[in-house]
Amino acid sequence: MNVAEERVALLTAEELLELPEKPGMRYELHEGKLVEMPGAGARHAAIVVRLVMLLHQFVTARGLGLVFGDGLGYILRRNPDTVRIPDVSVVRRERVPEGGIPEGFWPGAPDLAVEIVSPHDRAEEVHERVREYLGAGVRQVWVVWPRSRAVTVYKGGGVVRELSAEEELEGGEVLPGFRVKVSDLFAVDR
């Protein structure tokens, strides 16, 4: 294979899983093309942990499914493959495979995907990720904006809701009864 062919070679989810780890970097696939994702900052990581704890407590107490923190790749599309790693995600119990939690990437989309916007994220890339999630069957996407202390909630059918720090984020059909004040998501300095 020459250099030009090597540059356009598309990867599969299985090939992505086999790539060697690179400190401070993680990889996703967008239509078979490798996407390098820089590591997150401390505030970003603290918000991830905060949200995972809140969701895990709620989901586990009600037996609703599984909550995952940053690191789990979801195969959103095949041929060419798209694998995305949301910062936080939830898979409802009824969608867990009979064999249990997979060893590798999750086959299919989560029910809830959460993206926490980092200073290096570009708005168009965030919107592209939201479109990919919704197109793959994610029922709800939360985009968390630490700088403005706000959350944007996306649902299928073009439903979008902007929430300020003083409003409540609700789980909707994915997590019925889940409620948290948006400002509480950012209470990581306590």
N, C-alpha and C. Protein backbone atom coordinates (compact mmCIF):
# COMPACT_ATOMS: atom_id res chain seq x y z
N MET A 1 0.87 -1.18 0.00
CA MET A 1 0.00 0.00 0.00
C MET A 1 0.90 1.23 0.00
N ASN A 2 0.63 2.16 -0.93
CA ASN A 2 1.46 3.38 -0.95
C ASN A 2 0.91 4.41 0.04
N VAL A 3 1.64 5.52 0.20
CA VAL A 3 1.28 6.52 1.21
C VAL A 3 -0.09 7.11 0.94
N ALA A 4 -0.43 7.39 -0.32
CA ALA A 4 -1.74 7.98 -0.65
C ALA A 4 -2.86 7.01 -0.27
N GLU A 5 -2.70 5.72 -0.56
CA GLU A 5 -3.73 4.74 -0.21
C GLU A 5 -3.84 4.61 1.31
N GLU A 6 -2.69 4.68 2.00
CA GLU A 6 -2.69 4.54 3.44
C GLU A 6 -3.46 5.67 4.11
N ARG A 7 -3.38 6.88 3.57
CA ARG A 7 -4.07 8.04 4.15
C ARG A 7 -5.58 7.92 4.06
N VAL A 8 -6.09 7.27 3.03
CA VAL A 8 -7.53 7.20 2.86
C VAL A 8 -8.13 5.88 3.38
N ALA A 9 -7.25 4.99 3.87
CA ALA A 9 -7.75 3.72 4.39
C ALA A 9 -8.66 3.99 5.59
N LEU A 10 -9.83 3.39 5.56
CA LEU A 10 -10.79 3.56 6.64
C LEU A 10 -10.61 2.45 7.66
N LEU A 11 -10.80 2.79 8.91
CA LEU A 11 -10.68 1.83 10.00
C LEU A 11 -12.05 1.29 10.39
N THR A 12 -12.05 0.09 10.94
CA THR A 12 -13.26 -0.47 11.52
C THR A 12 -13.22 -0.26 13.03
N ALA A 13 -14.34 -0.49 13.68
CA ALA A 13 -14.39 -0.39 15.14
C ALA A 13 -13.42 -1.39 15.76
N GLU A 14 -13.31 -2.56 15.18
CA GLU A 14 -12.41 -3.59 15.72
C GLU A 14 -10.95 -3.14 15.59
N GLU A 15 -10.59 -2.51 14.49
CA GLU A 15 -9.22 -2.00 14.33
C GLU A 15 -8.94 -0.85 15.30
N LEU A 16 -9.93 -0.02 15.53
CA LEU A 16 -9.78 1.07 16.50
C LEU A 16 -9.50 0.51 17.89
N LEU A 17 -10.21 -0.53 18.25
CA LEU A 17 -10.04 -1.14 19.58
C LEU A 17 -8.62 -1.68 19.77
N GLU A 18 -7.98 -2.07 18.69
CA GLU A 18 -6.63 -2.65 18.76
C GLU A 18 -5.51 -1.62 18.73
N LEU A 19 -5.83 -0.35 18.48
CA LEU A 19 -4.78 0.67 18.43
C LEU A 19 -4.08 0.80 19.79
N PRO A 20 -2.77 1.02 19.77
CA PRO A 20 -2.08 1.22 21.05
C PRO A 20 -2.51 2.53 21.71
N GLU A 21 -2.53 2.51 23.03
CA GLU A 21 -2.91 3.71 23.76
C GLU A 21 -1.81 4.76 23.65
N LYS A 22 -2.22 6.02 23.69
CA LYS A 22 -1.29 7.14 23.64
C LYS A 22 -1.64 8.03 24.84
N PRO A 23 -0.71 8.23 25.77
CA PRO A 23 -1.03 9.02 26.98
C PRO A 23 -1.64 10.38 26.64
N GLY A 24 -2.72 10.71 27.35
CA GLY A 24 -3.38 12.00 27.18
C GLY A 24 -4.24 12.10 25.94
N MET A 25 -4.42 10.99 25.22
CA MET A 25 -5.19 11.02 23.97
C MET A 25 -6.12 9.81 23.92
N ARG A 26 -7.28 10.02 23.34
CA ARG A 26 -8.17 8.90 23.06
C ARG A 26 -8.61 9.05 21.62
N TYR A 27 -9.14 7.97 21.08
CA TYR A 27 -9.49 7.95 19.67
C TYR A 27 -10.96 7.59 19.48
N GLU A 28 -11.56 8.21 18.48
CA GLU A 28 -12.90 7.86 18.04
C GLU A 28 -12.81 7.64 16.53
N LEU A 29 -13.89 7.15 15.95
CA LEU A 29 -13.99 7.02 14.49
C LEU A 29 -15.17 7.84 14.01
N HIS A 30 -14.95 8.57 12.93
CA HIS A 30 -16.04 9.28 12.25
C HIS A 30 -16.03 8.80 10.82
N GLU A 31 -17.02 7.99 10.48
CA GLU A 31 -17.14 7.41 9.15
C GLU A 31 -15.83 6.74 8.72
N GLY A 32 -15.26 5.97 9.65
CA GLY A 32 -14.05 5.21 9.37
C GLY A 32 -12.75 5.97 9.52
N LYS A 33 -12.84 7.26 9.72
CA LYS A 33 -11.63 8.09 9.85
C LYS A 33 -11.29 8.29 11.32
N LEU A 34 -10.01 8.13 11.64
CA LEU A 34 -9.54 8.27 13.00
C LEU A 34 -9.62 9.72 13.46
N VAL A 35 -10.20 9.93 14.64
CA VAL A 35 -10.32 11.26 15.23
C VAL A 35 -9.59 11.23 16.56
N GLU A 36 -8.57 12.07 16.71
CA GLU A 36 -7.86 12.17 17.98
C GLU A 36 -8.60 13.14 18.88
N MET A 37 -8.83 12.70 20.11
CA MET A 37 -9.52 13.52 21.09
C MET A 37 -8.55 13.79 22.24
N PRO A 38 -8.18 15.06 22.44
CA PRO A 38 -7.26 15.34 23.54
C PRO A 38 -7.90 15.04 24.89
N GLY A 39 -7.06 14.74 25.86
CA GLY A 39 -7.54 14.47 27.21
C GLY A 39 -8.28 15.69 27.77
N ALA A 40 -9.11 15.44 28.75
CA ALA A 40 -9.92 16.51 29.35
C ALA A 40 -9.15 17.19 30.47
N GLY A 41 -9.57 18.41 30.79
CA GLY A 41 -9.00 19.13 31.91
C GLY A 41 -9.63 18.69 33.22
N ALA A 42 -9.08 19.22 34.31
CA ALA A 42 -9.52 18.81 35.65
C ALA A 42 -10.98 19.18 35.91
N ARG A 43 -11.40 20.39 35.54
CA ARG A 43 -12.80 20.80 35.79
C ARG A 43 -13.76 19.91 35.01
N HIS A 44 -13.43 19.65 33.77
CA HIS A 44 -14.23 18.76 32.92
C HIS A 44 -14.37 17.40 33.59
N ALA A 45 -13.26 16.84 34.04
CA ALA A 45 -13.27 15.53 34.68
C ALA A 45 -14.10 15.54 35.96
N ALA A 46 -14.03 16.62 36.72
CA ALA A 46 -14.81 16.73 37.96
C ALA A 46 -16.31 16.76 37.66
N ILE A 47 -16.70 17.45 36.59
CA ILE A 47 -18.11 17.50 36.20
C ILE A 47 -18.58 16.11 35.75
N VAL A 48 -17.72 15.39 35.03
CA VAL A 48 -18.05 14.02 34.62
C VAL A 48 -18.34 13.17 35.85
N VAL A 49 -17.45 13.22 36.83
CA VAL A 49 -17.63 12.41 38.04
C VAL A 49 -18.91 12.81 38.76
N ARG A 50 -19.15 14.10 38.87
CA ARG A 50 -20.36 14.59 39.55
C ARG A 50 -21.62 14.03 38.89
N LEU A 51 -21.66 14.14 37.56
CA LEU A 51 -22.84 13.67 36.83
C LEU A 51 -22.97 12.15 36.88
N VAL A 52 -21.86 11.44 36.79
CA VAL A 52 -21.91 9.97 36.90
C VAL A 52 -22.46 9.57 38.26
N MET A 53 -22.00 10.24 39.31
CA MET A 53 -22.49 9.91 40.66
C MET A 53 -23.99 10.16 40.80
N LEU A 54 -24.45 11.32 40.32
CA LEU A 54 -25.88 11.64 40.40
C LEU A 54 -26.72 10.64 39.62
N LEU A 55 -26.31 10.34 38.40
CA LEU A 55 -27.06 9.40 37.56
C LEU A 55 -26.98 7.98 38.10
N HIS A 56 -25.79 7.57 38.54
CA HIS A 56 -25.63 6.20 39.04
C HIS A 56 -26.52 5.95 40.25
N GLN A 57 -26.55 6.89 41.16
CA GLN A 57 -27.39 6.76 42.35
C GLN A 57 -28.86 6.59 41.95
N PHE A 58 -29.32 7.43 41.03
CA PHE A 58 -30.71 7.39 40.59
C PHE A 58 -31.03 6.10 39.83
N VAL A 59 -30.20 5.78 38.85
CA VAL A 59 -30.45 4.62 37.97
C VAL A 59 -30.37 3.31 38.75
N THR A 60 -29.37 3.19 39.60
CA THR A 60 -29.19 1.96 40.37
C THR A 60 -30.33 1.74 41.36
N ALA A 61 -30.74 2.78 42.05
CA ALA A 61 -31.81 2.66 43.03
C ALA A 61 -33.12 2.18 42.40
N ARG A 62 -33.30 2.47 41.12
CA ARG A 62 -34.54 2.12 40.43
C ARG A 62 -34.38 0.94 39.46
N GLY A 63 -33.18 0.41 39.38
CA GLY A 63 -32.93 -0.72 38.48
C GLY A 63 -33.19 -0.39 37.02
N LEU A 64 -32.86 0.84 36.63
CA LEU A 64 -33.18 1.29 35.27
C LEU A 64 -32.17 0.85 34.22
N GLY A 65 -30.94 0.55 34.62
CA GLY A 65 -29.93 0.19 33.62
C GLY A 65 -28.53 0.45 34.11
N LEU A 66 -27.68 0.89 33.19
CA LEU A 66 -26.26 1.09 33.47
C LEU A 66 -25.83 2.52 33.16
N VAL A 67 -24.94 3.05 33.98
CA VAL A 67 -24.37 4.38 33.78
C VAL A 67 -22.88 4.19 33.52
N PHE A 68 -22.38 4.88 32.51
CA PHE A 68 -20.96 4.79 32.17
C PHE A 68 -20.33 6.17 32.15
N GLY A 69 -19.11 6.24 32.66
CA GLY A 69 -18.35 7.47 32.59
C GLY A 69 -17.53 7.51 31.32
N ASP A 70 -16.78 8.55 31.17
CA ASP A 70 -15.93 8.78 30.01
C ASP A 70 -15.05 7.56 29.72
N GLY A 71 -15.04 7.11 28.50
CA GLY A 71 -14.16 6.02 28.12
C GLY A 71 -14.83 4.93 27.32
N LEU A 72 -16.15 4.77 27.43
CA LEU A 72 -16.83 3.70 26.69
C LEU A 72 -17.19 4.18 25.29
N GLY A 73 -16.71 3.46 24.29
CA GLY A 73 -17.04 3.76 22.91
C GLY A 73 -18.31 3.05 22.48
N TYR A 74 -19.14 3.75 21.73
CA TYR A 74 -20.38 3.20 21.18
C TYR A 74 -20.26 3.13 19.67
N ILE A 75 -20.58 1.98 19.10
CA ILE A 75 -20.59 1.85 17.65
C ILE A 75 -21.93 2.39 17.17
N LEU A 76 -21.90 3.60 16.64
CA LEU A 76 -23.13 4.27 16.21
C LEU A 76 -23.51 3.90 14.78
N ARG A 77 -22.52 3.48 14.00
CA ARG A 77 -22.79 3.20 12.59
C ARG A 77 -21.73 2.24 12.07
N ARG A 78 -22.11 1.44 11.09
CA ARG A 78 -21.18 0.50 10.43
C ARG A 78 -21.07 0.82 8.95
N ASN A 79 -19.92 0.51 8.40
CA ASN A 79 -19.65 0.57 6.94
C ASN A 79 -19.91 1.93 6.30
N PRO A 80 -19.15 2.94 6.53
CA PRO A 80 -17.97 2.98 7.40
C PRO A 80 -18.37 3.18 8.85
N ASP A 81 -17.50 2.71 9.74
CA ASP A 81 -17.81 2.71 11.17
C ASP A 81 -17.67 4.09 11.80
N THR A 82 -18.59 4.39 12.70
CA THR A 82 -18.50 5.59 13.54
C THR A 82 -18.58 5.11 14.98
N VAL A 83 -17.56 5.45 15.76
CA VAL A 83 -17.49 5.11 17.17
C VAL A 83 -17.30 6.40 17.94
N ARG A 84 -18.19 6.70 18.85
CA ARG A 84 -18.11 7.91 19.67
C ARG A 84 -18.03 7.53 21.15
N ILE A 85 -17.38 8.40 21.91
CA ILE A 85 -17.20 8.20 23.34
C ILE A 85 -17.82 9.40 24.06
N PRO A 86 -19.07 9.27 24.50
CA PRO A 86 -19.66 10.38 25.26
C PRO A 86 -18.98 10.50 26.62
N ASP A 87 -19.08 11.67 27.21
CA ASP A 87 -18.48 11.88 28.53
C ASP A 87 -19.21 11.09 29.60
N VAL A 88 -20.51 10.97 29.47
CA VAL A 88 -21.36 10.19 30.38
C VAL A 88 -22.45 9.57 29.51
N SER A 89 -22.86 8.36 29.86
CA SER A 89 -23.93 7.73 29.08
C SER A 89 -24.74 6.79 29.96
N VAL A 90 -25.96 6.53 29.50
CA VAL A 90 -26.86 5.60 30.19
C VAL A 90 -27.45 4.66 29.14
N VAL A 91 -27.45 3.38 29.49
CA VAL A 91 -28.12 2.37 28.67
C VAL A 91 -29.20 1.75 29.54
N ARG A 92 -30.42 1.82 29.06
CA ARG A 92 -31.56 1.25 29.80
C ARG A 92 -31.40 -0.27 29.90
N ARG A 93 -31.90 -0.82 30.99
CA ARG A 93 -31.78 -2.25 31.31
C ARG A 93 -32.26 -3.13 30.16
N GLU A 94 -33.37 -2.77 29.54
CA GLU A 94 -33.94 -3.61 28.48
C GLU A 94 -33.07 -3.66 27.22
N ARG A 95 -32.06 -2.79 27.14
CA ARG A 95 -31.18 -2.79 25.97
C ARG A 95 -29.81 -3.41 26.24
N VAL A 96 -29.61 -3.92 27.44
CA VAL A 96 -28.36 -4.62 27.75
C VAL A 96 -28.42 -5.99 27.08
N PRO A 97 -27.39 -6.36 26.32
CA PRO A 97 -27.42 -7.66 25.64
C PRO A 97 -27.59 -8.82 26.62
N GLU A 98 -28.18 -9.91 26.14
CA GLU A 98 -28.42 -11.08 26.99
C GLU A 98 -27.14 -11.58 27.64
N GLY A 99 -26.03 -11.47 26.94
CA GLY A 99 -24.75 -11.93 27.46
C GLY A 99 -24.13 -10.98 28.47
N GLY A 100 -24.77 -9.86 28.72
CA GLY A 100 -24.25 -8.88 29.68
C GLY A 100 -23.44 -7.78 29.00
N ILE A 101 -22.66 -7.12 29.79
CA ILE A 101 -21.86 -5.99 29.30
C ILE A 101 -20.79 -6.50 28.34
N PRO A 102 -20.71 -5.94 27.13
CA PRO A 102 -19.71 -6.39 26.16
C PRO A 102 -18.29 -6.09 26.63
N GLU A 103 -17.34 -6.88 26.15
CA GLU A 103 -15.93 -6.66 26.47
C GLU A 103 -15.38 -5.42 25.77
N GLY A 104 -15.78 -5.20 24.53
CA GLY A 104 -15.26 -4.09 23.75
C GLY A 104 -16.22 -2.92 23.71
N PHE A 105 -16.33 -2.31 22.53
CA PHE A 105 -17.26 -1.20 22.36
C PHE A 105 -18.70 -1.69 22.50
N TRP A 106 -19.58 -0.77 22.87
CA TRP A 106 -21.00 -1.11 22.99
C TRP A 106 -21.60 -1.15 21.59
N PRO A 107 -22.31 -2.25 21.26
CA PRO A 107 -22.90 -2.36 19.92
C PRO A 107 -24.20 -1.56 19.81
N GLY A 108 -24.12 -0.37 19.33
CA GLY A 108 -25.29 0.48 19.20
C GLY A 108 -25.18 1.71 20.08
N ALA A 109 -26.22 2.49 20.09
CA ALA A 109 -26.23 3.78 20.77
C ALA A 109 -26.73 3.64 22.21
N PRO A 110 -26.29 4.55 23.09
CA PRO A 110 -26.87 4.59 24.43
C PRO A 110 -28.26 5.24 24.37
N ASP A 111 -28.99 5.20 25.45
CA ASP A 111 -30.27 5.89 25.53
C ASP A 111 -30.07 7.37 25.83
N LEU A 112 -29.05 7.66 26.64
CA LEU A 112 -28.68 9.04 26.98
C LEU A 112 -27.19 9.20 26.74
N ALA A 113 -26.83 10.25 26.01
CA ALA A 113 -25.43 10.60 25.82
C ALA A 113 -25.22 12.02 26.32
N VAL A 114 -24.16 12.22 27.09
CA VAL A 114 -23.85 13.54 27.63
C VAL A 114 -22.49 13.97 27.13
N GLU A 115 -22.43 15.16 26.58
CA GLU A 115 -21.18 15.77 26.14
C GLU A 115 -20.93 17.00 27.00
N ILE A 116 -19.78 17.06 27.63
CA ILE A 116 -19.39 18.22 28.41
C ILE A 116 -18.39 19.00 27.57
N VAL A 117 -18.75 20.22 27.23
CA VAL A 117 -17.96 21.02 26.30
C VAL A 117 -16.68 21.50 26.97
N SER A 118 -15.56 21.22 26.32
CA SER A 118 -14.25 21.65 26.78
C SER A 118 -13.85 22.92 26.05
N PRO A 119 -12.89 23.66 26.59
CA PRO A 119 -12.46 24.90 25.92
C PRO A 119 -11.98 24.70 24.48
N HIS A 120 -11.44 23.52 24.16
CA HIS A 120 -10.95 23.28 22.79
C HIS A 120 -12.03 22.81 21.83
N ASP A 121 -13.22 22.49 22.31
CA ASP A 121 -14.31 22.02 21.44
C ASP A 121 -14.85 23.15 20.58
N ARG A 122 -15.09 22.85 19.31
CA ARG A 122 -15.71 23.83 18.41
C ARG A 122 -17.21 23.51 18.33
N ALA A 123 -18.01 24.56 18.29
CA ALA A 123 -19.48 24.39 18.29
C ALA A 123 -19.94 23.48 17.16
N GLU A 124 -19.38 23.63 15.97
CA GLU A 124 -19.82 22.80 14.85
C GLU A 124 -19.52 21.32 15.10
N GLU A 125 -18.42 21.02 15.79
CA GLU A 125 -18.12 19.63 16.11
C GLU A 125 -19.10 19.09 17.15
N VAL A 126 -19.46 19.91 18.12
CA VAL A 126 -20.44 19.49 19.13
C VAL A 126 -21.78 19.20 18.46
N HIS A 127 -22.20 20.07 17.57
CA HIS A 127 -23.48 19.86 16.87
C HIS A 127 -23.44 18.61 15.99
N GLU A 128 -22.30 18.35 15.36
CA GLU A 128 -22.16 17.15 14.54
C GLU A 128 -22.31 15.90 15.40
N ARG A 129 -21.72 15.91 16.58
CA ARG A 129 -21.83 14.77 17.49
C ARG A 129 -23.29 14.57 17.91
N VAL A 130 -23.97 15.65 18.22
CA VAL A 130 -25.39 15.56 18.60
C VAL A 130 -26.19 14.93 17.46
N ARG A 131 -25.96 15.39 16.24
CA ARG A 131 -26.67 14.82 15.08
C ARG A 131 -26.37 13.33 14.94
N GLU A 132 -25.11 12.94 15.13
CA GLU A 132 -24.75 11.53 15.03
C GLU A 132 -25.46 10.70 16.10
N TYR A 133 -25.44 11.20 17.32
CA TYR A 133 -26.11 10.48 18.41
C TYR A 133 -27.60 10.29 18.10
N LEU A 134 -28.27 11.37 17.77
CA LEU A 134 -29.71 11.29 17.50
C LEU A 134 -30.00 10.40 16.30
N GLY A 135 -29.17 10.51 15.27
CA GLY A 135 -29.35 9.69 14.07
C GLY A 135 -29.14 8.21 14.34
N ALA A 136 -28.35 7.89 15.36
CA ALA A 136 -28.07 6.50 15.71
C ALA A 136 -29.10 5.92 16.68
N GLY A 137 -30.03 6.76 17.14
CA GLY A 137 -31.07 6.26 18.03
C GLY A 137 -30.97 6.68 19.48
N VAL A 138 -30.02 7.55 19.81
CA VAL A 138 -29.96 8.06 21.18
C VAL A 138 -31.26 8.82 21.43
N ARG A 139 -31.89 8.54 22.55
CA ARG A 139 -33.19 9.15 22.83
C ARG A 139 -33.07 10.56 23.38
N GLN A 140 -31.95 10.84 24.06
CA GLN A 140 -31.76 12.17 24.63
C GLN A 140 -30.26 12.46 24.69
N VAL A 141 -29.90 13.70 24.33
CA VAL A 141 -28.50 14.15 24.41
C VAL A 141 -28.48 15.41 25.26
N TRP A 142 -27.58 15.42 26.24
CA TRP A 142 -27.37 16.61 27.05
C TRP A 142 -26.01 17.18 26.70
N VAL A 143 -25.98 18.45 26.32
CA VAL A 143 -24.72 19.14 26.10
C VAL A 143 -24.54 20.11 27.26
N VAL A 144 -23.50 19.90 28.03
CA VAL A 144 -23.23 20.67 29.24
C VAL A 144 -22.18 21.73 28.91
N TRP A 145 -22.51 22.98 29.22
CA TRP A 145 -21.66 24.12 28.91
C TRP A 145 -21.10 24.71 30.21
N PRO A 146 -19.91 24.26 30.65
CA PRO A 146 -19.36 24.75 31.92
C PRO A 146 -19.14 26.26 31.99
N ARG A 147 -18.69 26.87 30.91
CA ARG A 147 -18.42 28.32 30.96
C ARG A 147 -19.68 29.14 31.22
N SER A 148 -20.78 28.77 30.58
CA SER A 148 -22.03 29.52 30.76
C SER A 148 -22.93 28.88 31.82
N ARG A 149 -22.49 27.76 32.38
CA ARG A 149 -23.25 27.05 33.41
C ARG A 149 -24.68 26.77 32.92
N ALA A 150 -24.74 26.14 31.77
CA ALA A 150 -26.03 25.85 31.12
C ALA A 150 -25.99 24.44 30.53
N VAL A 151 -27.17 23.94 30.16
CA VAL A 151 -27.30 22.64 29.52
C VAL A 151 -28.27 22.78 28.36
N THR A 152 -27.93 22.17 27.23
CA THR A 152 -28.85 22.07 26.11
C THR A 152 -29.32 20.62 26.02
N VAL A 153 -30.63 20.42 25.99
CA VAL A 153 -31.21 19.08 25.91
C VAL A 153 -31.76 18.89 24.50
N TYR A 154 -31.33 17.80 23.86
CA TYR A 154 -31.80 17.45 22.52
C TYR A 154 -32.56 16.15 22.59
N LYS A 155 -33.69 16.11 21.89
CA LYS A 155 -34.47 14.89 21.76
C LYS A 155 -34.77 14.71 20.28
N GLY A 156 -35.22 13.52 19.92
CA GLY A 156 -35.59 13.26 18.54
C GLY A 156 -36.67 14.20 18.06
N GLY A 157 -36.79 14.34 16.75
CA GLY A 157 -37.82 15.19 16.17
C GLY A 157 -37.48 16.67 16.23
N GLY A 158 -36.22 17.00 16.51
CA GLY A 158 -35.80 18.40 16.53
C GLY A 158 -36.15 19.15 17.80
N VAL A 159 -36.52 18.45 18.86
CA VAL A 159 -36.85 19.10 20.11
C VAL A 159 -35.56 19.50 20.82
N VAL A 160 -35.42 20.80 21.09
CA VAL A 160 -34.22 21.33 21.74
C VAL A 160 -34.67 22.27 22.86
N ARG A 161 -34.03 22.14 24.02
CA ARG A 161 -34.37 23.02 25.14
C ARG A 161 -33.09 23.50 25.80
N GLU A 162 -32.98 24.81 25.96
CA GLU A 162 -31.84 25.43 26.64
C GLU A 162 -32.22 25.64 28.10
N LEU A 163 -31.33 25.22 29.00
CA LEU A 163 -31.59 25.37 30.43
C LEU A 163 -30.50 26.22 31.07
N SER A 164 -30.91 27.21 31.82
CA SER A 164 -29.96 28.05 32.55
C SER A 164 -29.63 27.40 33.88
N ALA A 165 -28.68 27.98 34.60
CA ALA A 165 -28.22 27.44 35.87
C ALA A 165 -29.34 27.31 36.90
N GLU A 166 -30.34 28.16 36.82
CA GLU A 166 -31.42 28.14 37.81
C GLU A 166 -32.54 27.16 37.47
N GLU A 167 -32.52 26.57 36.29
CA GLU A 167 -33.57 25.65 35.89
C GLU A 167 -33.21 24.21 36.26
N GLU A 168 -34.19 23.31 36.12
CA GLU A 168 -33.96 21.91 36.44
C GLU A 168 -33.81 21.07 35.17
N LEU A 169 -32.84 20.19 35.20
CA LEU A 169 -32.62 19.22 34.15
C LEU A 169 -33.41 17.97 34.54
N GLU A 170 -34.24 17.48 33.62
CA GLU A 170 -35.08 16.32 33.90
C GLU A 170 -34.70 15.17 32.98
N GLY A 171 -34.92 13.95 33.47
CA GLY A 171 -34.57 12.76 32.71
C GLY A 171 -35.54 12.36 31.63
N GLY A 172 -36.72 12.97 31.62
CA GLY A 172 -37.71 12.67 30.58
C GLY A 172 -38.07 11.20 30.53
N GLU A 173 -38.34 10.70 29.34
CA GLU A 173 -38.74 9.30 29.15
C GLU A 173 -37.60 8.33 29.42
N VAL A 174 -36.38 8.79 29.27
CA VAL A 174 -35.22 7.92 29.48
C VAL A 174 -35.03 7.63 30.97
N LEU A 175 -35.14 8.67 31.79
CA LEU A 175 -34.95 8.54 33.23
C LEU A 175 -36.10 9.23 33.96
N PRO A 176 -37.30 8.64 33.91
CA PRO A 176 -38.46 9.28 34.53
C PRO A 176 -38.23 9.55 36.02
N GLY A 177 -38.48 10.79 36.42
CA GLY A 177 -38.33 11.17 37.81
C GLY A 177 -36.98 11.78 38.15
N PHE A 178 -35.99 11.67 37.26
CA PHE A 178 -34.68 12.27 37.54
C PHE A 178 -34.78 13.78 37.37
N ARG A 179 -34.31 14.50 38.38
CA ARG A 179 -34.31 15.96 38.35
C ARG A 179 -33.09 16.47 39.10
N VAL A 180 -32.44 17.46 38.54
CA VAL A 180 -31.32 18.10 39.21
C VAL A 180 -31.25 19.55 38.74
N LYS A 181 -31.00 20.43 39.66
CA LYS A 181 -30.82 21.83 39.29
C LYS A 181 -29.53 21.93 38.48
N VAL A 182 -29.58 22.63 37.37
CA VAL A 182 -28.42 22.72 36.49
C VAL A 182 -27.20 23.23 37.24
N SER A 183 -27.35 24.21 38.10
CA SER A 183 -26.20 24.74 38.84
C SER A 183 -25.53 23.67 39.69
N ASP A 184 -26.29 22.64 40.12
CA ASP A 184 -25.70 21.57 40.93
C ASP A 184 -24.71 20.72 40.14
N LEU A 185 -24.83 20.70 38.82
CA LEU A 185 -23.87 19.94 38.00
C LEU A 185 -22.48 20.55 38.09
N PHE A 186 -22.44 21.83 38.37
CA PHE A 186 -21.16 22.54 38.39
C PHE A 186 -20.63 22.73 39.81
N ALA A 187 -21.28 22.12 40.79
CA ALA A 187 -20.88 22.25 42.19
C ALA A 187 -19.76 21.26 42.49
N VAL A 188 -18.64 21.41 41.80
CA VAL A 188 -17.53 20.48 41.94
C VAL A 188 -16.40 21.05 42.80
N ASP A 189 -16.49 22.30 43.17
CA ASP A 189 -15.44 22.93 43.96
C ASP A 189 -15.67 22.78 45.45
N ARG A 190 -16.76 22.15 45.84
CA ARG A 190 -17.12 22.02 47.26
C ARG A 190 -16.32 20.93 47.93
